[in-house]
């Protein structure tokens, strides 16, 4: 039995290693963006629900909404073109890039009915429906 050995040119190995390194760095950057987006969006959960679904839709749920629409709404609040004392103050505290991360985070969450907060006796005031 004859074993045929193929040598990979040094240039090709370097290109391959470079591509692997680029993929690793890109993957890390994407993971960092997801982590940053989740952290930024956490500031919204008090009003808009921990999963982006507010009880009774007031304030409106954000989960599953169109990213471009969410971003434009946030930018409008930040610019004072949309009135809401609370949202104007929140939006002004973020850069456009941060608002884009927040909009992207909520747009990727599945839309649905909010789970109501439990009552003091431990029972629920409502149930999430599929």
C-alpha atoms as a PDB file:
ATOM      1  CA  UNK A   1       0.000   0.000   0.000  1.00  0.00           C
ATOM      2  CA  UNK A   2       1.374   3.373  -0.999  1.00  0.00           C
ATOM      3  CA  UNK A   3       0.710   6.428   1.097  1.00  0.00           C
ATOM      4  CA  UNK A   4       0.636   9.638  -0.844  1.00  0.00           C
ATOM      5  CA  UNK A   5       1.614  12.667   1.125  1.00  0.00           C
ATOM      6  CA  UNK A   6       0.325  16.054   0.072  1.00  0.00           C
ATOM      7  CA  UNK A   7       2.086  19.046   1.428  1.00  0.00           C
ATOM      8  CA  UNK A   8       0.076  22.161   1.936  1.00  0.00           C
ATOM      9  CA  UNK A   9       2.022  25.181   0.790  1.00  0.00           C
ATOM     10  CA  UNK A  10       3.111  27.425   3.647  1.00  0.00           C
ATOM     11  CA  UNK A  11       1.135  30.351   2.180  1.00  0.00           C
ATOM     12  CA  UNK A  12      -2.077  28.290   2.191  1.00  0.00           C
ATOM     13  CA  UNK A  13      -1.552  27.273   5.829  1.00  0.00           C
ATOM     14  CA  UNK A  14      -1.104  30.909   6.811  1.00  0.00           C
ATOM     15  CA  UNK A  15      -4.261  31.918   4.969  1.00  0.00           C
ATOM     16  CA  UNK A  16      -6.140  29.080   6.659  1.00  0.00           C
ATOM     17  CA  UNK A  17      -4.918  30.095  10.100  1.00  0.00           C
ATOM     18  CA  UNK A  18      -5.814  33.711   9.366  1.00  0.00           C
ATOM     19  CA  UNK A  19      -9.349  32.700   8.372  1.00  0.00           C
ATOM     20  CA  UNK A  20      -9.746  30.652  11.548  1.00  0.00           C
ATOM     21  CA  UNK A  21      -8.551  33.618  13.626  1.00  0.00           C
ATOM     22  CA  UNK A  22     -10.934  36.006  11.847  1.00  0.00           C
ATOM     23  CA  UNK A  23     -13.877  33.647  12.441  1.00  0.00           C
ATOM     24  CA  UNK A  24     -12.954  33.347  16.115  1.00  0.00           C
ATOM     25  CA  UNK A  25     -12.715  37.117  16.572  1.00  0.00           C
ATOM     26  CA  UNK A  26     -15.982  37.674  14.686  1.00  0.00           C
ATOM     27  CA  UNK A  27     -17.691  35.068  16.848  1.00  0.00           C
ATOM     28  CA  UNK A  28     -16.399  36.720  20.012  1.00  0.00           C
ATOM     29  CA  UNK A  29     -17.570  40.136  18.792  1.00  0.00           C
ATOM     30  CA  UNK A  30     -21.054  38.758  18.069  1.00  0.00           C
ATOM     31  CA  UNK A  31     -21.206  37.151  21.525  1.00  0.00           C
ATOM     32  CA  UNK A  32     -20.057  40.418  23.109  1.00  0.00           C
ATOM     33  CA  UNK A  33     -22.775  42.333  21.211  1.00  0.00           C
ATOM     34  CA  UNK A  34     -25.449  39.899  22.428  1.00  0.00           C
ATOM     35  CA  UNK A  35     -24.213  40.271  25.990  1.00  0.00           C
ATOM     36  CA  UNK A  36     -24.101  44.068  25.694  1.00  0.00           C
ATOM     37  CA  UNK A  37     -27.571  44.161  24.127  1.00  0.00           C
ATOM     38  CA  UNK A  38     -29.035  42.010  26.908  1.00  0.00           C
ATOM     39  CA  UNK A  39     -27.423  44.251  29.528  1.00  0.00           C
ATOM     40  CA  UNK A  40     -28.707  47.444  27.941  1.00  0.00           C
ATOM     41  CA  UNK A  41     -32.201  46.000  27.441  1.00  0.00           C
ATOM     42  CA  UNK A  42     -32.353  44.987  31.100  1.00  0.00           C
ATOM     43  CA  UNK A  43     -33.051  48.650  31.903  1.00  0.00           C
ATOM     44  CA  UNK A  44     -36.301  48.377  29.927  1.00  0.00           C
ATOM     45  CA  UNK A  45     -37.702  45.325  31.699  1.00  0.00           C
ATOM     46  CA  UNK A  46     -39.251  47.121  34.670  1.00  0.00           C
ATOM     47  CA  UNK A  47     -41.904  48.622  32.421  1.00  0.00           C
ATOM     48  CA  UNK A  48     -41.823  46.473  29.291  1.00  0.00           C
ATOM     49  CA  UNK A  49     -41.527  43.071  31.005  1.00  0.00           C
ATOM     50  CA  UNK A  50     -38.564  40.803  31.667  1.00  0.00           C
ATOM     51  CA  UNK A  51     -39.110  39.055  28.350  1.00  0.00           C
ATOM     52  CA  UNK A  52     -40.162  42.192  26.460  1.00  0.00           C
ATOM     53  CA  UNK A  53     -43.850  41.438  26.991  1.00  0.00           C
ATOM     54  CA  UNK A  54     -45.715  43.910  29.171  1.00  0.00           C
ATOM     55  CA  UNK A  55     -48.866  42.917  31.045  1.00  0.00           C
ATOM     56  CA  UNK A  56     -51.893  44.465  29.377  1.00  0.00           C
ATOM     57  CA  UNK A  57     -49.712  45.995  26.632  1.00  0.00           C
ATOM     58  CA  UNK A  58     -49.300  49.208  28.643  1.00  0.00           C
ATOM     59  CA  UNK A  59     -46.594  50.191  28.054  1.00  0.00           C
ATOM     60  CA  UNK A  60     -46.407  48.301  24.783  1.00  0.00           C
ATOM     61  CA  UNK A  61     -44.640  44.980  24.513  1.00  0.00           C
ATOM     62  CA  UNK A  62     -41.376  45.127  22.588  1.00  0.00           C
ATOM     63  CA  UNK A  63     -40.694  41.430  21.975  1.00  0.00           C
ATOM     64  CA  UNK A  64     -40.873  40.377  18.337  1.00  0.00           C
ATOM     65  CA  UNK A  65     -41.408  43.851  16.946  1.00  0.00           C
ATOM     66  CA  UNK A  66     -39.606  45.059  13.846  1.00  0.00           C
ATOM     67  CA  UNK A  67     -36.035  46.150  14.622  1.00  0.00           C
ATOM     68  CA  UNK A  68     -36.110  49.195  12.322  1.00  0.00           C
ATOM     69  CA  UNK A  69     -39.418  50.362  13.816  1.00  0.00           C
ATOM     70  CA  UNK A  70     -38.136  49.984  17.379  1.00  0.00           C
ATOM     71  CA  UNK A  71     -34.915  51.810  16.575  1.00  0.00           C
ATOM     72  CA  UNK A  72     -36.730  54.681  14.867  1.00  0.00           C
ATOM     73  CA  UNK A  73     -39.100  55.001  17.822  1.00  0.00           C
ATOM     74  CA  UNK A  74     -36.165  55.152  20.248  1.00  0.00           C
ATOM     75  CA  UNK A  75     -34.388  57.720  18.085  1.00  0.00           C
ATOM     76  CA  UNK A  76     -37.570  59.802  17.929  1.00  0.00           C
ATOM     77  CA  UNK A  77     -37.834  59.757  21.733  1.00  0.00           C
ATOM     78  CA  UNK A  78     -34.181  60.725  22.035  1.00  0.00           C
ATOM     79  CA  UNK A  79     -34.638  63.643  19.621  1.00  0.00           C
ATOM     80  CA  UNK A  80     -37.788  64.832  21.421  1.00  0.00           C
ATOM     81  CA  UNK A  81     -39.912  64.142  18.334  1.00  0.00           C
ATOM     82  CA  UNK A  82     -42.084  61.706  20.254  1.00  0.00           C
ATOM     83  CA  UNK A  83     -43.560  62.709  23.605  1.00  0.00           C
ATOM     84  CA  UNK A  84     -43.089  60.634  26.738  1.00  0.00           C
ATOM     85  CA  UNK A  85     -41.366  62.080  29.748  1.00  0.00           C
ATOM     86  CA  UNK A  86     -39.945  58.722  30.828  1.00  0.00           C
ATOM     87  CA  UNK A  87     -38.909  57.438  27.401  1.00  0.00           C
ATOM     88  CA  UNK A  88     -37.330  60.727  26.356  1.00  0.00           C
ATOM     89  CA  UNK A  89     -35.105  60.624  29.442  1.00  0.00           C
ATOM     90  CA  UNK A  90     -34.185  56.973  28.952  1.00  0.00           C
ATOM     91  CA  UNK A  91     -33.444  57.306  25.237  1.00  0.00           C
ATOM     92  CA  UNK A  92     -31.231  60.352  25.749  1.00  0.00           C
ATOM     93  CA  UNK A  93     -28.965  58.254  27.939  1.00  0.00           C
ATOM     94  CA  UNK A  94     -27.927  55.991  25.049  1.00  0.00           C
ATOM     95  CA  UNK A  95     -25.882  56.398  21.887  1.00  0.00           C
ATOM     96  CA  UNK A  96     -27.422  55.487  18.554  1.00  0.00           C
ATOM     97  CA  UNK A  97     -25.328  52.298  18.501  1.00  0.00           C
ATOM     98  CA  UNK A  98     -26.628  51.319  21.945  1.00  0.00           C
ATOM     99  CA  UNK A  99     -30.216  51.991  20.881  1.00  0.00           C
ATOM    100  CA  UNK A 100     -29.620  49.781  17.834  1.00  0.00           C
ATOM    101  CA  UNK A 101     -28.435  46.969  20.112  1.00  0.00           C
ATOM    102  CA  UNK A 102     -31.533  47.355  22.301  1.00  0.00           C
ATOM    103  CA  UNK A 103     -33.859  47.346  19.274  1.00  0.00           C
ATOM    104  CA  UNK A 104     -32.110  44.267  17.905  1.00  0.00           C
ATOM    105  CA  UNK A 105     -32.387  42.461  21.242  1.00  0.00           C
ATOM    106  CA  UNK A 106     -36.135  42.959  21.552  1.00  0.00           C
ATOM    107  CA  UNK A 107     -36.808  42.226  17.882  1.00  0.00           C
ATOM    108  CA  UNK A 108     -35.225  38.762  18.308  1.00  0.00           C
ATOM    109  CA  UNK A 109     -37.364  37.832  21.316  1.00  0.00           C
ATOM    110  CA  UNK A 110     -40.510  35.817  20.566  1.00  0.00           C
ATOM    111  CA  UNK A 111     -43.724  37.813  20.701  1.00  0.00           C
ATOM    112  CA  UNK A 112     -46.533  36.560  22.904  1.00  0.00           C
ATOM    113  CA  UNK A 113     -48.787  37.225  25.841  1.00  0.00           C
ATOM    114  CA  UNK A 114     -47.127  38.442  29.043  1.00  0.00           C
ATOM    115  CA  UNK A 115     -47.083  36.397  32.197  1.00  0.00           C
ATOM    116  CA  UNK A 116     -48.769  38.427  34.907  1.00  0.00           C
ATOM    117  CA  UNK A 117     -47.006  38.951  38.218  1.00  0.00           C
ATOM    118  CA  UNK A 118     -47.958  36.582  41.019  1.00  0.00           C
ATOM    119  CA  UNK A 119     -50.300  37.830  43.714  1.00  0.00           C
ATOM    120  CA  UNK A 120     -49.258  38.074  47.340  1.00  0.00           C
ATOM    121  CA  UNK A 121     -51.000  34.737  48.016  1.00  0.00           C
ATOM    122  CA  UNK A 122     -48.792  33.081  45.361  1.00  0.00           C
ATOM    123  CA  UNK A 123     -51.491  32.653  42.713  1.00  0.00           C
ATOM    124  CA  UNK A 124     -51.097  34.200  39.270  1.00  0.00           C
ATOM    125  CA  UNK A 125     -53.188  37.059  37.925  1.00  0.00           C
ATOM    126  CA  UNK A 126     -52.990  35.617  34.447  1.00  0.00           C
ATOM    127  CA  UNK A 127     -51.273  32.997  32.368  1.00  0.00           C
ATOM    128  CA  UNK A 128     -49.065  33.052  29.350  1.00  0.00           C
ATOM    129  CA  UNK A 129     -50.783  31.590  26.352  1.00  0.00           C
ATOM    130  CA  UNK A 130     -48.958  30.010  23.421  1.00  0.00           C
END
